[in-house]
Amino acid sequence: MEKEYWRWPESRWTAPDIDWKSGDIISAGVDVGSVSSQAVVMVDGQLFCYSNIRTGSDSPESAQKAMDKALEETGSTLKDVHYTVGTGYGRVNVPFADRAITEIACHARGANFMYGPSIRTILDMGGQDCKAIHCDNKGKVTNFLMNDKCAAGTGRGMEVFADLLSIPIEEMGSLSFKVEEEPEPVSSTCVVFAKSEAVGLLRKGWPKEKVLAAYSSAMAHRVVELLERIGIEKEFAVTGGIAKNEGVVKRIEAELSIKALEPQHDTQIAGALGGALFAKALVEKQRGLR
């Protein structure tokens, strides 16, 4: 079987010290993205388990698979969950969701949980779009800007380069720094043209790490332009799949002269986490606790 360099490893996690059976409110969020899907289950507002899988061609099936994987070996099932919120690109296609909420709102709420109430600017670098979000101390969105017109600055753009260079996507970030001198960014912001430009550079004898550094730099610059349009309020954090690529993140930090907050959890679960937090609040509302 041919190696799929673009594919991030799938994962799941369960909190070792939480007994879901003694929980009062079990809430869930499922984020069906264009590239990956995540499911998060919380017990009384504490992170209990999550999964992170590749989105397939069928959104409802991807949502189900993500939830099944999250609950694997926990002894609990979907029937034990009191309320589920669907979010992301395929949020209306989560068959077992009680409600759908936009990924902008869910990412802000999830980032507030992951990074704490001081977080004010979130850069969500997803599979097919990039969002700059401002939020308040409760994780409520106060402003946002979105780039969804081009794959540059998104996970899809990086996947194209992983395949072009035959480098596993999780190794691209560190490899991009193995250059003696930082090259000029590739001039094209469009992935299609950037790919053609990269092929030309490889033919000129550029090593893969230099091509990767040039593309990572261009990607970072494009994202910084988005952030500068909305304005950066400290504290600042990056979520989504590209947050795992140090080659892009460190170059963003260098351009901004700001250090992003360190993630406590998988950066890709922010949306699903926010969905689970909204789900908990909706149960409390139903019970007259809010």
Protein backbone atom coordinates (compact mmCIF):
# COMPACT_ATOMS: atom_id res chain seq x y z
CA MET A 1 0.00 0.00 0.00
CA GLU A 2 1.31 3.43 -0.97
CA LYS A 3 2.26 5.63 2.00
CA GLU A 4 -0.14 8.50 2.66
CA TYR A 5 2.26 11.25 3.71
CA TRP A 6 -0.56 13.79 4.17
CA ARG A 7 -2.42 11.79 6.82
CA TRP A 8 -2.08 12.81 10.48
CA PRO A 9 -2.10 9.86 12.91
CA GLU A 10 -5.57 9.32 14.44
CA SER A 11 -5.82 9.39 18.23
CA ARG A 12 -8.05 8.95 21.26
CA TRP A 13 -7.69 9.68 25.00
CA THR A 14 -9.56 8.92 28.23
CA ALA A 15 -9.09 10.65 31.61
CA PRO A 16 -7.81 7.94 33.97
CA ASP A 17 -9.40 9.34 37.13
CA ILE A 18 -12.97 10.24 36.09
CA ASP A 19 -15.87 7.89 36.86
CA TRP A 20 -18.59 8.78 34.36
CA LYS A 21 -21.17 6.72 36.31
CA SER A 22 -21.08 9.19 39.18
CA GLY A 23 -21.50 12.19 36.86
CA ASP A 24 -24.58 14.40 36.97
CA ILE A 25 -24.31 15.83 33.43
CA ILE A 26 -22.62 13.94 30.61
CA SER A 27 -22.30 16.22 27.57
CA ALA A 28 -20.71 15.76 24.17
CA GLY A 29 -19.52 17.79 21.20
CA VAL A 30 -18.78 16.46 17.72
CA ASP A 31 -16.81 18.60 15.27
CA VAL A 32 -17.07 17.29 11.71
CA GLY A 33 -14.45 19.19 9.75
CA SER A 34 -13.56 19.03 6.07
CA VAL A 35 -10.39 17.06 6.83
CA SER A 36 -10.74 15.63 10.33
CA SER A 37 -13.50 14.94 12.88
CA GLN A 38 -13.32 15.07 16.66
CA ALA A 39 -15.66 13.89 19.41
CA VAL A 40 -15.38 15.08 23.01
CA VAL A 41 -17.29 13.79 26.04
CA MET A 42 -17.32 15.73 29.32
CA VAL A 43 -18.52 14.67 32.75
CA ASP A 44 -19.77 17.59 34.83
CA GLY A 45 -17.66 19.99 32.77
CA GLN A 46 -14.48 17.94 33.02
CA LEU A 47 -12.82 16.44 29.96
CA PHE A 48 -13.54 12.70 30.06
CA CYS A 49 -12.54 11.38 26.63
CA TYR A 50 -11.99 12.43 23.04
CA SER A 51 -11.09 11.11 19.61
CA ASN A 52 -9.54 12.64 16.53
CA ILE A 53 -10.10 10.83 13.22
CA ARG A 54 -10.00 11.48 9.48
CA THR A 55 -13.28 12.73 7.98
CA GLY A 56 -14.51 10.35 5.32
CA SER A 57 -16.78 11.03 2.35
CA ASP A 58 -19.88 10.56 4.54
CA SER A 59 -20.29 13.22 7.28
CA PRO A 60 -22.90 11.33 9.37
CA GLU A 61 -20.74 8.20 9.31
CA SER A 62 -17.63 10.22 10.27
CA ALA A 63 -19.52 11.74 13.23
CA GLN A 64 -20.60 8.29 14.40
CA LYS A 65 -17.11 6.84 14.02
CA ALA A 66 -15.58 9.73 15.97
CA MET A 67 -18.03 9.26 18.84
CA ASP A 68 -17.61 5.47 18.85
CA LYS A 69 -13.84 5.84 18.99
CA ALA A 70 -14.01 8.41 21.83
CA LEU A 71 -16.20 6.09 23.92
CA GLU A 72 -14.11 3.00 23.13
CA GLU A 73 -13.12 1.06 26.27
CA THR A 74 -14.76 3.61 28.60
CA GLY A 75 -17.74 1.38 29.48
CA SER A 76 -20.12 4.15 28.41
CA THR A 77 -22.20 4.49 25.25
CA LEU A 78 -23.99 7.26 23.39
CA LYS A 79 -27.13 6.42 25.39
CA ASP A 80 -25.37 7.66 28.55
CA VAL A 81 -24.82 11.14 27.04
CA HIS A 82 -27.49 13.65 28.09
CA TYR A 83 -26.95 16.19 25.29
CA THR A 84 -24.80 16.43 22.15
CA VAL A 85 -23.90 19.50 20.09
CA GLY A 86 -22.73 19.18 16.48
CA THR A 87 -20.31 21.73 15.07
CA GLY A 88 -17.90 22.27 12.19
CA TYR A 89 -18.20 22.00 8.44
CA GLY A 90 -20.64 19.05 8.73
CA ARG A 91 -22.47 20.14 11.89
CA VAL A 92 -25.95 19.66 10.39
CA ASN A 93 -25.00 16.08 9.49
CA VAL A 94 -24.38 14.77 13.00
CA PRO A 95 -27.32 12.31 13.22
CA PHE A 96 -27.40 12.04 17.02
CA ALA A 97 -26.84 15.76 17.80
CA ASP A 98 -29.53 17.58 19.78
CA ARG A 99 -28.41 20.90 18.34
CA ALA A 100 -25.93 22.41 15.84
CA ILE A 101 -23.78 25.42 16.79
CA THR A 102 -21.27 27.23 14.54
CA GLU A 103 -17.60 26.32 14.78
CA ILE A 104 -16.65 29.97 15.45
CA ALA A 105 -18.66 29.98 18.70
CA CYS A 106 -17.50 26.48 19.66
CA HIS A 107 -13.81 27.18 19.02
CA ALA A 108 -13.91 30.29 21.18
CA ARG A 109 -15.64 28.42 24.00
CA GLY A 110 -13.30 25.45 23.69
CA ALA A 111 -10.18 27.65 23.62
CA ASN A 112 -11.42 29.43 26.76
CA PHE A 113 -11.45 26.01 28.50
CA MET A 114 -8.10 24.90 27.04
CA TYR A 115 -6.12 28.08 27.62
CA GLY A 116 -8.03 29.78 30.43
CA PRO A 117 -10.16 32.96 30.67
CA SER A 118 -7.23 35.25 29.72
CA ILE A 119 -7.33 34.06 26.08
CA ARG A 120 -8.46 36.86 23.76
CA THR A 121 -7.25 35.99 20.23
CA ILE A 122 -7.58 32.53 18.69
CA LEU A 123 -6.15 31.54 15.35
CA ASP A 124 -7.97 28.43 14.15
CA MET A 125 -6.08 26.86 11.26
CA GLY A 126 -8.40 24.21 9.88
CA GLY A 127 -8.41 21.88 6.91
CA GLN A 128 -9.93 24.26 4.39
CA ASP A 129 -10.17 27.63 6.09
CA CYS A 130 -8.42 29.84 8.59
CA LYS A 131 -10.21 31.92 11.24
CA ALA A 132 -9.02 34.74 13.48
CA ILE A 133 -11.36 35.01 16.48
CA HIS A 134 -11.60 37.49 19.35
CA CYS A 135 -13.41 36.43 22.50
CA ASP A 136 -14.12 37.70 26.01
CA ASN A 137 -13.20 36.10 29.35
CA LYS A 138 -16.13 33.68 29.10
CA GLY A 139 -15.23 32.45 25.63
CA LYS A 140 -17.94 34.46 23.88
CA VAL A 141 -17.06 35.65 20.36
CA THR A 142 -16.64 39.42 20.06
CA ASN A 143 -15.26 39.54 16.50
CA PHE A 144 -13.86 37.25 13.81
CA LEU A 145 -12.38 37.17 10.30
CA MET A 146 -12.19 34.17 8.01
CA ASN A 147 -10.12 33.14 5.01
CA ASP A 148 -11.96 30.42 3.10
CA LYS A 149 -11.15 31.49 -0.45
CA CYS A 150 -7.85 29.66 -0.79
CA ALA A 151 -6.15 26.59 0.70
CA ALA A 152 -2.96 28.54 1.45
CA GLY A 153 -2.69 28.87 5.22
CA THR A 154 -4.77 25.75 5.82
CA GLY A 155 -4.23 22.07 6.53
CA ARG A 156 -5.08 21.15 2.96
CA GLY A 157 -2.24 23.28 1.65
CA MET A 158 0.22 21.51 3.94
CA GLU A 159 -1.13 18.10 2.89
CA VAL A 160 -0.40 18.96 -0.77
CA PHE A 161 3.23 19.68 0.16
CA ALA A 162 3.54 16.54 2.30
CA ASP A 163 2.65 14.45 -0.75
CA LEU A 164 4.76 16.51 -3.14
CA LEU A 165 7.88 16.17 -0.97
CA SER A 166 7.10 12.62 0.31
CA ILE A 167 7.49 13.76 3.93
CA PRO A 168 5.12 12.57 6.70
CA ILE A 169 3.00 15.58 7.66
CA GLU A 170 3.89 15.34 11.37
CA GLU A 171 7.62 15.70 10.53
CA MET A 172 7.33 18.75 8.27
CA GLY A 173 7.52 21.40 10.99
CA SER A 174 10.83 20.33 12.49
CA LEU A 175 12.34 19.57 9.08
CA SER A 176 11.60 23.11 7.86
CA PHE A 177 14.13 24.47 10.38
CA LYS A 178 17.00 22.27 9.15
CA VAL A 179 18.24 25.01 6.86
CA GLU A 180 21.44 27.03 7.19
CA GLU A 181 19.64 30.23 6.27
CA GLU A 182 15.93 31.07 6.06
CA PRO A 183 14.98 31.28 2.35
CA GLU A 184 12.66 33.84 0.79
CA PRO A 185 9.00 32.74 1.04
CA VAL A 186 7.50 31.22 -2.10
CA SER A 187 5.87 34.09 -3.98
CA SER A 188 2.57 32.36 -4.76
CA THR A 189 -0.18 32.38 -2.14
CA CYS A 190 -2.33 29.96 -4.15
CA VAL A 191 -1.49 26.32 -3.35
CA VAL A 192 -1.74 25.29 -7.00
CA PHE A 193 0.84 27.89 -8.09
CA ALA A 194 2.94 27.44 -4.95
CA LYS A 195 3.15 23.73 -5.77
CA SER A 196 4.32 24.53 -9.31
CA GLU A 197 6.86 26.99 -7.92
CA ALA A 198 8.10 24.38 -5.44
CA VAL A 199 8.54 21.81 -8.23
CA GLY A 200 10.65 24.39 -10.09
CA LEU A 201 12.80 24.97 -6.98
CA LEU A 202 13.33 21.21 -6.52
CA ARG A 203 14.46 20.98 -10.15
CA LYS A 204 16.94 23.78 -9.47
CA GLY A 205 18.44 21.59 -6.77
CA TRP A 206 16.83 23.04 -3.65
CA PRO A 207 16.73 20.44 -0.85
CA LYS A 208 13.29 19.48 0.47
CA GLU A 209 13.81 21.24 3.81
CA LYS A 210 14.57 24.55 2.05
CA VAL A 211 11.43 24.28 -0.10
CA LEU A 212 9.46 23.46 3.01
CA ALA A 213 10.92 26.43 4.88
CA ALA A 214 9.99 28.74 1.99
CA TYR A 215 6.40 27.45 1.90
CA SER A 216 6.01 27.48 5.72
CA SER A 217 7.22 31.09 5.74
CA ALA A 218 4.72 32.09 3.03
CA MET A 219 1.94 30.29 4.88
CA ALA A 220 2.80 32.04 8.15
CA HIS A 221 2.92 35.44 6.43
CA ARG A 222 -0.51 34.93 4.87
CA VAL A 223 -1.99 34.06 8.26
CA VAL A 224 -0.30 37.03 9.96
CA GLU A 225 -1.95 39.32 7.41
CA LEU A 226 -5.34 37.95 8.52
CA LEU A 227 -4.46 38.50 12.19
CA GLU A 228 -3.25 42.04 11.53
CA ARG A 229 -6.54 42.87 9.82
CA ILE A 230 -8.51 41.90 12.93
CA GLY A 231 -5.87 43.06 15.44
CA ILE A 232 -4.23 40.87 18.06
CA GLU A 233 -5.24 41.04 21.67
CA LYS A 234 -3.13 39.11 24.15
CA GLU A 235 -3.36 36.33 25.18
CA PHE A 236 -3.00 34.50 21.86
CA ALA A 237 -3.31 30.80 20.93
CA VAL A 238 -3.46 28.60 17.84
CA THR A 239 -5.95 25.76 17.40
CA GLY A 240 -6.57 23.26 14.60
CA GLY A 241 -4.29 20.84 12.81
CA ILE A 242 -1.69 23.40 11.71
CA ALA A 243 -1.14 24.28 15.39
CA LYS A 244 0.82 20.99 15.48
CA ASN A 245 3.20 22.27 12.80
CA GLU A 246 5.99 24.12 14.59
CA GLY A 247 7.41 25.27 11.26
CA VAL A 248 4.36 27.46 10.69
CA VAL A 249 3.57 28.36 14.33
CA LYS A 250 7.10 29.52 15.22
CA ARG A 251 7.27 31.62 12.07
CA ILE A 252 3.91 33.22 12.95
CA GLU A 253 5.25 33.96 16.44
CA ALA A 254 8.42 35.48 14.96
CA GLU A 255 6.46 37.79 12.62
CA LEU A 256 4.14 38.89 15.42
CA SER A 257 6.83 39.01 18.14
CA ILE A 258 4.28 37.21 20.31
CA LYS A 259 4.57 33.75 21.86
CA ALA A 260 1.44 31.63 21.51
CA LEU A 261 0.13 29.94 24.65
CA GLU A 262 1.11 26.28 25.07
CA PRO A 263 -1.80 23.85 24.53
CA GLN A 264 -2.84 21.53 27.35
CA HIS A 265 -4.76 19.22 25.01
CA ASP A 266 -4.84 18.18 21.35
CA THR A 267 -5.24 21.49 19.47
CA GLN A 268 -7.75 19.91 17.09
CA ILE A 269 -10.38 19.22 19.77
CA ALA A 270 -11.16 22.89 20.54
CA GLY A 271 -14.37 22.93 18.47
CA ALA A 272 -15.74 19.65 19.83
CA LEU A 273 -14.76 20.72 23.34
CA GLY A 274 -16.70 23.95 22.93
CA GLY A 275 -19.66 21.94 21.66
CA ALA A 276 -19.58 19.74 24.78
CA LEU A 277 -19.46 22.84 27.01
CA PHE A 278 -22.47 24.35 25.20
CA ALA A 279 -24.24 20.99 25.60
CA LYS A 280 -23.66 21.07 29.36
CA ALA A 281 -25.05 24.63 29.57
CA LEU A 282 -28.13 23.61 27.58
CA VAL A 283 -28.83 20.70 29.96
CA GLU A 284 -28.50 23.08 32.91
CA LYS A 285 -30.94 25.44 31.20
CA GLN A 286 -33.42 22.60 30.66
CA ARG A 287 -33.15 21.72 34.35
CA GLY A 288 -33.70 25.33 35.42
CA LEU A 289 -30.15 25.62 36.79
CA ARG A 290 -29.36 28.65 34.59
